[in-house]
């Protein structure tokens, strides 16, 4: 079971500033621009460990252009708490 924290909007001046504020392996990230949005759970950092790669893949997922800044881009971060049921409890 995964419990997501309340998203917290990130105040940033441009995408380079957003990249500096990301906390790899800790932050889940939601991107918003117009009617487009997408999210990655913190676990995705294991596949995309560089902030630039993480942000580019999330922009691509949202259908946003990867090669240039996105007008009106907003971002929010969240964390995830996970619980696992042990095999002994499942029996």
Protein backbone atom coordinates (compact mmCIF):
# COMPACT_ATOMS: atom_id res chain seq x y z
CA UNK A 1 0.00 0.00 0.00
CA UNK A 2 1.33 3.45 -0.88
CA UNK A 3 0.11 6.65 0.76
CA UNK A 4 0.85 9.89 -1.11
CA UNK A 5 1.40 13.08 0.88
CA UNK A 6 -0.47 16.28 0.05
CA UNK A 7 1.22 17.86 -3.02
CA UNK A 8 3.26 20.99 -2.30
CA UNK A 9 3.63 23.50 -5.15
CA UNK A 10 7.22 24.42 -6.03
CA UNK A 11 7.97 28.10 -6.72
CA UNK A 12 10.55 28.27 -9.54
CA UNK A 13 11.67 30.90 -12.05
CA UNK A 14 12.52 28.56 -14.94
CA UNK A 15 13.13 24.88 -15.61
CA UNK A 16 16.79 25.14 -14.54
CA UNK A 17 15.60 26.49 -11.17
CA UNK A 18 13.06 23.64 -10.91
CA UNK A 19 15.83 21.10 -11.60
CA UNK A 20 17.96 22.59 -8.80
CA UNK A 21 15.08 22.21 -6.33
CA UNK A 22 14.26 18.57 -7.10
CA UNK A 23 15.22 15.99 -4.48
CA UNK A 24 16.15 12.81 -6.39
CA UNK A 25 14.81 9.55 -4.96
CA UNK A 26 12.65 11.55 -2.50
CA UNK A 27 10.25 13.65 -4.60
CA UNK A 28 7.27 12.47 -6.56
CA UNK A 29 6.52 15.19 -9.12
CA UNK A 30 3.39 16.47 -10.82
CA UNK A 31 3.73 18.79 -13.82
CA UNK A 32 0.88 21.03 -15.03
CA UNK A 33 0.61 23.32 -18.05
CA UNK A 34 -2.75 24.29 -19.49
CA UNK A 35 -4.84 21.12 -19.77
CA UNK A 36 -1.78 18.84 -19.70
CA UNK A 37 -0.46 17.10 -16.61
CA UNK A 38 1.49 14.01 -15.58
CA UNK A 39 3.11 12.57 -12.48
CA UNK A 40 5.97 10.27 -11.55
CA UNK A 41 6.20 8.51 -8.20
CA UNK A 42 9.52 8.79 -6.33
CA UNK A 43 10.29 5.19 -7.34
CA UNK A 44 10.81 6.37 -10.95
CA UNK A 45 14.09 7.97 -9.85
CA UNK A 46 15.63 4.47 -9.85
CA UNK A 47 15.06 4.34 -13.64
CA UNK A 48 15.79 8.04 -14.33
CA UNK A 49 18.37 9.10 -11.69
CA UNK A 50 19.41 12.39 -13.30
CA UNK A 51 17.01 15.32 -12.67
CA UNK A 52 17.25 16.39 -16.34
CA UNK A 53 16.24 12.91 -17.50
CA UNK A 54 13.46 12.69 -14.92
CA UNK A 55 11.97 16.07 -15.95
CA UNK A 56 12.31 15.38 -19.70
CA UNK A 57 10.56 12.01 -19.39
CA UNK A 58 7.77 13.53 -17.29
CA UNK A 59 7.27 16.34 -19.83
CA UNK A 60 7.12 13.72 -22.59
CA UNK A 61 4.54 11.71 -20.60
CA UNK A 62 2.39 14.85 -20.27
CA UNK A 63 2.62 15.55 -24.02
CA UNK A 64 4.73 18.68 -23.44
CA UNK A 65 7.67 19.64 -25.65
CA UNK A 66 10.92 18.31 -24.20
CA UNK A 67 13.30 20.42 -26.28
CA UNK A 68 12.09 23.83 -25.08
CA UNK A 69 10.65 25.53 -21.98
CA UNK A 70 6.91 25.17 -21.47
CA UNK A 71 4.86 28.35 -21.00
CA UNK A 72 2.89 28.38 -17.75
CA UNK A 73 4.63 25.29 -16.36
CA UNK A 74 3.75 24.52 -12.74
CA UNK A 75 5.07 21.72 -10.55
CA UNK A 76 4.18 20.14 -7.23
CA UNK A 77 6.14 17.60 -5.19
CA UNK A 78 4.90 14.86 -2.89
CA UNK A 79 6.32 11.96 -0.95
CA UNK A 80 5.18 8.36 -0.65
CA UNK A 81 4.91 6.19 2.46
CA UNK A 82 4.79 2.48 1.67
CA UNK A 83 3.61 -0.50 3.70
CA UNK A 84 4.08 -4.17 2.83
CA UNK A 85 2.09 -7.08 4.18
CA UNK A 86 4.40 -9.83 5.37
CA UNK A 87 3.82 -13.35 4.07
CA UNK A 88 3.11 -14.59 7.63
CA UNK A 89 0.30 -12.03 8.00
CA UNK A 90 -1.15 -12.91 4.60
CA UNK A 91 -1.69 -16.57 5.52
